[in-house]
Amino acid sequence: MKLNLIYGRSGTGKSEYIYKDITKNIGNKKIFLIVPEQCNLSAEKKLFEISRKK
């Protein structure tokens, strides 16, 4: 298992990159999405929306 760190300034597309990468690899391996507790629902919702578009 490897750990990827994605960092950058606000508005550079970090979250979009992560969600697209997750949906691309969702069936290939285990994926752990670690988010702050207050962002849990919005992260799940965004991942669901992006995976439905694919």
Protein backbone atom coordinates (compact mmCIF):
# COMPACT_ATOMS: atom_id res chain seq x y z
CA MET A 1 0.00 0.00 0.00
CA LYS A 2 1.30 3.44 -0.80
CA LEU A 3 0.33 6.86 0.43
CA ASN A 4 -0.06 9.76 -2.00
CA LEU A 5 0.03 13.31 -0.71
CA ILE A 6 -1.73 15.90 -2.84
CA TYR A 7 -1.06 19.47 -1.84
CA GLY A 8 -1.37 22.92 -3.30
CA ARG A 9 -3.06 26.25 -2.92
CA SER A 10 -6.79 26.70 -2.71
CA GLY A 11 -8.63 26.37 -6.01
CA THR A 12 -5.96 24.40 -7.88
CA GLY A 13 -8.11 21.28 -8.39
CA LYS A 14 -6.78 18.99 -5.68
CA SER A 15 -10.17 17.62 -4.66
CA GLU A 16 -11.32 17.13 -8.25
CA TYR A 17 -8.10 15.24 -9.04
CA ILE A 18 -8.54 12.98 -6.02
CA TYR A 19 -12.19 12.17 -6.76
CA LYS A 20 -11.44 11.39 -10.41
CA ASP A 21 -8.51 9.17 -9.43
CA ILE A 22 -10.69 7.30 -6.93
CA THR A 23 -13.45 6.66 -9.48
CA LYS A 24 -10.86 5.50 -12.03
CA ASN A 25 -9.43 2.93 -9.60
CA ILE A 26 -12.52 2.04 -7.57
CA GLY A 27 -12.66 -1.59 -8.71
CA ASN A 28 -8.92 -2.27 -8.77
CA LYS A 29 -7.88 -1.87 -5.16
CA LYS A 30 -8.92 -0.78 -1.69
CA ILE A 31 -9.32 2.96 -1.35
CA PHE A 32 -9.44 4.91 1.88
CA LEU A 33 -10.78 8.45 1.83
CA ILE A 34 -9.70 10.30 4.96
CA VAL A 35 -11.58 13.54 5.53
CA PRO A 36 -12.36 15.70 8.55
CA GLU A 37 -15.52 14.60 10.35
CA GLN A 38 -17.42 17.77 9.42
CA CYS A 39 -16.71 17.10 5.70
CA ASN A 40 -17.67 13.42 5.70
CA LEU A 41 -21.12 13.73 4.11
CA SER A 42 -20.04 16.24 1.48
CA ALA A 43 -17.05 14.06 0.49
CA GLU A 44 -19.24 10.97 0.09
CA LYS A 45 -21.80 12.96 -1.89
CA LYS A 46 -19.15 14.42 -4.23
CA LEU A 47 -17.60 10.98 -4.81
CA PHE A 48 -21.01 9.53 -5.63
CA GLU A 49 -21.79 12.37 -8.08
CA ILE A 50 -18.49 12.01 -9.91
CA SER A 51 -18.71 8.22 -10.10
CA ARG A 52 -22.23 8.47 -11.61
CA LYS A 53 -20.94 10.78 -14.38
CA LYS A 54 -18.36 8.22 -15.46
